[in-house]
């Protein structure tokens, strides 16, 4: 019951903090990037537009996660709102889970709207500039969005943990984006070193060092399966996708559980 109350309170706080305007701004940026990329593309404009649209969404939605977490959690601690929100017998975990659920629902809602809007834009572009290999906007597109949603779930859980343990709001931004950049890129770097061994000296040692990250971080780069929607070929879906989904989901749950544990033991000044 308390979680639902905290969830509704978080929604009210988010819209009071002009979440609607942030969502509209993201929608405008994605639309502009999609249309301009198609306009300046000489060949396959729909494919290029969809590709750039995915890249823009993957860049802007993590920023939205950080802004929401800062507003709903970091500010709660900085401005001492917890003096009323964490009064007995209210559990601290209900506050955290309610706020996290609100952040996740708002972000996934924006992702759904962006996905539907992008379908309309790409079909509009494809009507003006037909191409030999059309993009796949059916089931492959939905699979791509589902993988992207899991990526955002992991980042939301990490931002929630950082909001609990960090002393400043800026660390939530720095930590989340630093984690995102490393987790999305180290897998591709390892593959590049495996195929191009002459890029750096001592390739094996460098690759082994990067391989250690596989035990500490999820491979968020592998969740980017946009090629499936761009070309509609099932071979672009990783063969180990069930394990990949399960491992990333478990990582998000572990981060969230750690955030609950940290909040339970957090001492407020």
Protein backbone atom coordinates (compact mmCIF):
# COMPACT_ATOMS: atom_id res chain seq x y z
CA UNK A 1 0.00 0.00 0.00
CA UNK A 2 2.80 2.40 0.90
CA UNK A 3 4.59 1.63 -2.37
CA UNK A 4 1.52 2.65 -4.37
CA UNK A 5 1.24 5.88 -2.39
CA UNK A 6 4.91 6.67 -3.00
CA UNK A 7 4.43 5.79 -6.66
CA UNK A 8 1.56 8.26 -7.06
CA UNK A 9 3.44 10.92 -5.09
CA UNK A 10 6.45 10.47 -7.35
CA UNK A 11 4.27 10.90 -10.45
CA UNK A 12 2.89 14.16 -9.08
CA UNK A 13 6.39 15.41 -8.24
CA UNK A 14 7.66 14.47 -11.70
CA UNK A 15 4.93 16.38 -13.53
CA UNK A 16 5.37 19.28 -11.11
CA UNK A 17 9.05 19.32 -12.14
CA UNK A 18 7.95 19.79 -15.79
CA UNK A 19 8.43 16.20 -16.90
CA UNK A 20 5.94 16.82 -19.71
CA UNK A 21 8.10 19.57 -21.18
CA UNK A 22 11.18 17.36 -20.96
CA UNK A 23 9.37 14.58 -22.81
CA UNK A 24 8.18 17.00 -25.49
CA UNK A 25 11.73 18.34 -25.89
CA UNK A 26 13.11 14.82 -26.35
CA UNK A 27 10.39 14.10 -28.90
CA UNK A 28 11.31 17.20 -30.89
CA UNK A 29 15.04 16.39 -30.86
CA UNK A 30 14.42 12.81 -32.03
CA UNK A 31 12.08 14.01 -34.78
CA UNK A 32 14.57 16.63 -35.97
CA UNK A 33 17.50 14.19 -35.96
CA UNK A 34 15.47 11.56 -37.81
CA UNK A 35 14.22 13.91 -40.52
CA UNK A 36 17.56 15.66 -41.09
CA UNK A 37 19.47 12.38 -41.31
CA UNK A 38 17.06 11.15 -43.98
CA UNK A 39 17.29 14.43 -45.88
CA UNK A 40 21.10 14.34 -46.05
CA UNK A 41 21.28 10.62 -46.81
CA UNK A 42 22.01 9.82 -50.41
CA UNK A 43 20.93 6.16 -50.25
CA UNK A 44 18.47 4.26 -48.06
CA UNK A 45 17.12 7.33 -46.23
CA UNK A 46 14.60 5.33 -44.17
CA UNK A 47 17.33 3.02 -42.87
CA UNK A 48 19.62 5.93 -42.01
CA UNK A 49 16.77 7.83 -40.36
CA UNK A 50 15.84 4.84 -38.18
CA UNK A 51 19.48 4.27 -37.26
CA UNK A 52 20.01 7.88 -36.19
CA UNK A 53 16.68 7.84 -34.36
CA UNK A 54 17.76 4.87 -32.27
CA UNK A 55 21.09 6.53 -31.48
CA UNK A 56 19.35 9.72 -30.37
CA UNK A 57 16.91 7.81 -28.17
CA UNK A 58 19.74 5.81 -26.57
CA UNK A 59 21.51 9.06 -25.75
CA UNK A 60 18.58 11.16 -24.47
CA UNK A 61 16.57 8.68 -22.41
CA UNK A 62 19.45 7.98 -19.97
CA UNK A 63 19.63 11.74 -19.43
CA UNK A 64 15.90 11.71 -18.65
CA UNK A 65 16.50 8.91 -16.14
CA UNK A 66 19.18 10.96 -14.38
CA UNK A 67 17.00 14.08 -14.23
CA UNK A 68 14.07 12.13 -12.79
CA UNK A 69 16.17 10.31 -10.22
CA UNK A 70 17.77 13.58 -9.14
CA UNK A 71 14.33 15.16 -8.75
CA UNK A 72 12.60 12.26 -7.00
CA UNK A 73 15.42 10.84 -4.85
CA UNK A 74 18.52 13.05 -4.64
CA UNK A 75 16.49 16.15 -3.86
CA UNK A 76 14.56 14.17 -1.25
CA UNK A 77 17.78 13.76 0.72
CA UNK A 78 19.39 17.13 -0.05
CA UNK A 79 16.37 19.17 1.07
CA UNK A 80 15.58 16.94 4.08
CA UNK A 81 12.14 15.98 2.81
CA UNK A 82 12.82 12.59 4.40
CA UNK A 83 11.96 14.15 7.77
CA UNK A 84 8.32 13.73 6.76
CA UNK A 85 8.45 11.04 4.05
CA UNK A 86 10.40 8.52 6.17
CA UNK A 87 8.54 8.94 9.45
CA UNK A 88 7.66 5.78 11.37
CA UNK A 89 6.05 3.34 10.60
CA UNK A 90 6.76 3.99 6.93
CA UNK A 91 9.39 1.64 5.50
CA UNK A 92 12.32 3.15 3.67
CA UNK A 93 12.12 0.44 1.04
CA UNK A 94 8.59 1.50 0.06
CA UNK A 95 9.81 5.03 -0.65
CA UNK A 96 12.68 3.80 -2.80
CA UNK A 97 10.66 1.20 -4.72
CA UNK A 98 7.79 3.61 -5.27
CA UNK A 99 10.06 6.31 -6.65
CA UNK A 100 11.98 3.81 -8.78
CA UNK A 101 8.75 2.40 -10.22
CA UNK A 102 7.60 5.89 -11.14
CA UNK A 103 10.91 6.69 -12.88
CA UNK A 104 10.81 3.43 -14.81
CA UNK A 105 7.18 3.82 -15.85
CA UNK A 106 7.69 7.40 -17.05
CA UNK A 107 10.83 6.54 -19.02
CA UNK A 108 9.30 3.45 -20.62
CA UNK A 109 6.20 5.49 -21.44
CA UNK A 110 8.35 8.03 -23.26
CA UNK A 111 10.15 5.16 -25.03
CA UNK A 112 6.82 3.77 -26.22
CA UNK A 113 5.70 7.17 -27.51
CA UNK A 114 9.02 7.71 -29.25
CA UNK A 115 8.82 4.25 -30.79
CA UNK A 116 5.35 4.88 -32.23
CA UNK A 117 6.32 8.37 -33.40
CA UNK A 118 9.46 7.04 -35.07
CA UNK A 119 7.43 4.42 -36.95
CA UNK A 120 5.26 7.20 -38.39
CA UNK A 121 8.27 9.29 -39.37
CA UNK A 122 10.10 6.40 -41.03
CA UNK A 123 7.01 5.37 -42.98
CA UNK A 124 6.54 8.97 -44.05
CA UNK A 125 10.16 9.12 -45.23
CA UNK A 126 9.85 5.75 -46.96
CA UNK A 127 6.79 6.99 -48.86
CA UNK A 128 8.74 9.89 -50.35
CA UNK A 129 12.03 8.02 -50.86
CA UNK A 130 11.34 4.31 -51.58
CA UNK A 131 14.29 1.95 -51.26
CA UNK A 132 15.03 -1.59 -52.37
CA UNK A 133 15.42 -3.03 -48.85
CA UNK A 134 12.75 -1.54 -46.56
CA UNK A 135 13.19 -1.40 -42.80
CA UNK A 136 11.38 -3.95 -40.60
CA UNK A 137 8.86 -2.06 -38.46
CA UNK A 138 6.97 -5.09 -37.23
CA UNK A 139 8.16 -7.76 -34.81
CA UNK A 140 11.90 -6.98 -35.29
CA UNK A 141 11.21 -3.37 -34.33
CA UNK A 142 9.34 -4.44 -31.18
CA UNK A 143 12.20 -6.76 -30.21
CA UNK A 144 14.65 -3.88 -30.63
CA UNK A 145 12.55 -1.67 -28.35
CA UNK A 146 12.29 -4.45 -25.76
CA UNK A 147 16.08 -4.82 -25.64
CA UNK A 148 16.40 -1.04 -25.33
CA UNK A 149 13.90 -1.06 -22.45
CA UNK A 150 16.09 -3.57 -20.59
CA UNK A 151 19.09 -1.29 -21.16
CA UNK A 152 17.14 1.58 -19.57
CA UNK A 153 16.06 -0.65 -16.67
CA UNK A 154 19.70 -1.34 -15.76
CA UNK A 155 20.59 2.35 -15.98
CA UNK A 156 17.58 3.34 -13.86
CA UNK A 157 18.57 0.83 -11.18
CA UNK A 158 22.15 2.14 -11.17
CA UNK A 159 21.02 5.78 -10.96
CA UNK A 160 18.78 4.86 -8.03
CA UNK A 161 21.70 3.25 -6.20
CA UNK A 162 23.92 6.26 -6.85
CA UNK A 163 21.23 8.64 -5.60
CA UNK A 164 21.20 6.74 -2.28
CA UNK A 165 24.95 6.51 -1.73
CA UNK A 166 26.15 9.75 -3.42
CA UNK A 167 26.63 12.96 -1.48
CA UNK A 168 25.90 15.27 -4.44
CA UNK A 169 23.37 15.21 -7.27
CA UNK A 170 26.07 15.70 -9.89
CA UNK A 171 27.59 12.32 -9.02
CA UNK A 172 24.38 10.64 -10.20
CA UNK A 173 24.91 12.18 -13.65
CA UNK A 174 28.64 11.46 -13.80
CA UNK A 175 28.35 7.93 -12.43
CA UNK A 176 25.41 6.89 -14.58
CA UNK A 177 26.87 8.19 -17.83
CA UNK A 178 30.34 6.86 -17.01
CA UNK A 179 28.86 3.42 -16.33
CA UNK A 180 26.79 3.65 -19.51
CA UNK A 181 29.74 4.54 -21.74
CA UNK A 182 31.91 1.71 -20.40
CA UNK A 183 29.14 -0.93 -20.35
CA UNK A 184 28.04 -0.09 -23.89
CA UNK A 185 31.51 -0.01 -25.43
CA UNK A 186 33.84 -2.55 -23.82
CA UNK A 187 32.27 -5.53 -25.62
CA UNK A 188 32.71 -3.90 -29.03
CA UNK A 189 36.32 -3.02 -28.18
CA UNK A 190 37.07 -6.64 -27.27
CA UNK A 191 35.58 -7.83 -30.56
CA UNK A 192 37.60 -5.23 -32.46
CA UNK A 193 40.83 -6.35 -30.80
CA UNK A 194 40.01 -9.97 -31.64
CA UNK A 195 39.62 -9.19 -35.34
CA UNK A 196 42.30 -6.49 -35.64
CA UNK A 197 45.20 -7.62 -33.47
CA UNK A 198 47.57 -5.00 -34.87
CA UNK A 199 45.71 -2.00 -33.51
CA UNK A 200 47.66 -1.87 -30.23
CA UNK A 201 50.78 -3.48 -28.85
CA UNK A 202 50.34 -6.38 -26.41
CA UNK A 203 46.85 -7.08 -27.72
CA UNK A 204 46.30 -10.17 -25.58
CA UNK A 205 47.10 -8.37 -22.34
CA UNK A 206 44.91 -5.43 -23.28
CA UNK A 207 42.04 -7.71 -24.23
CA UNK A 208 42.42 -9.73 -21.01
CA UNK A 209 42.25 -6.52 -18.98
CA UNK A 210 39.06 -5.50 -20.72
CA UNK A 211 37.68 -9.00 -20.30
CA UNK A 212 37.71 -8.52 -16.52
CA UNK A 213 34.96 -5.92 -17.00
CA UNK A 214 32.72 -8.74 -18.19
CA UNK A 215 32.65 -10.06 -14.62
CA UNK A 216 31.78 -6.65 -13.16
CA UNK A 217 29.55 -4.93 -15.72
CA UNK A 218 26.71 -6.04 -17.97
CA UNK A 219 27.30 -5.88 -21.70
CA UNK A 220 24.80 -3.17 -22.56
CA UNK A 221 26.31 -2.84 -26.03
CA UNK A 222 24.99 -6.32 -26.87
CA UNK A 223 21.46 -5.09 -26.13
CA UNK A 224 21.66 -2.76 -29.12
CA UNK A 225 20.07 -5.02 -31.73
CA UNK A 226 18.93 -2.24 -34.06
CA UNK A 227 20.34 -4.13 -37.06
CA UNK A 228 17.41 -6.48 -36.67
CA UNK A 229 14.99 -3.61 -37.35
CA UNK A 230 17.18 -1.90 -39.95
CA UNK A 231 17.49 -4.96 -42.21
CA UNK A 232 14.94 -7.44 -40.84
CA UNK A 233 17.33 -10.40 -40.81
CA UNK A 234 17.04 -12.75 -37.80
CA UNK A 235 20.76 -13.57 -37.85
CA UNK A 236 21.46 -10.14 -36.35
CA UNK A 237 19.84 -11.35 -33.10
CA UNK A 238 22.58 -12.78 -30.81
CA UNK A 239 22.48 -16.54 -30.45
CA UNK A 240 22.73 -16.31 -26.65
CA UNK A 241 19.98 -13.69 -26.31
CA UNK A 242 18.04 -15.57 -23.55
CA UNK A 243 21.12 -15.65 -21.32
CA UNK A 244 21.88 -12.03 -22.18
CA UNK A 245 18.39 -10.91 -21.17
CA UNK A 246 18.45 -12.95 -17.97
CA UNK A 247 21.89 -11.71 -16.91
CA UNK A 248 21.03 -8.06 -17.47
CA UNK A 249 17.72 -8.43 -15.66
CA UNK A 250 19.48 -10.11 -12.72
CA UNK A 251 22.05 -7.29 -12.68
CA UNK A 252 19.30 -4.67 -12.49
CA UNK A 253 17.57 -6.54 -9.65
CA UNK A 254 20.89 -6.82 -7.80
CA UNK A 255 21.52 -3.07 -8.14
CA UNK A 256 18.04 -2.29 -6.88
CA UNK A 257 18.42 -4.68 -3.93
CA UNK A 258 21.75 -3.04 -3.09
CA UNK A 259 20.08 0.37 -3.21
CA UNK A 260 17.40 -0.82 -0.75
CA UNK A 261 20.09 -2.26 1.52
CA UNK A 262 22.10 1.01 1.40
CA UNK A 263 19.03 3.13 2.19
CA UNK A 264 18.12 0.92 5.13
CA UNK A 265 21.57 1.60 6.62
CA UNK A 266 21.88 5.21 5.55
CA UNK A 267 22.38 7.64 8.43
CA UNK A 268 20.89 11.07 7.84
CA UNK A 269 22.54 14.11 9.34
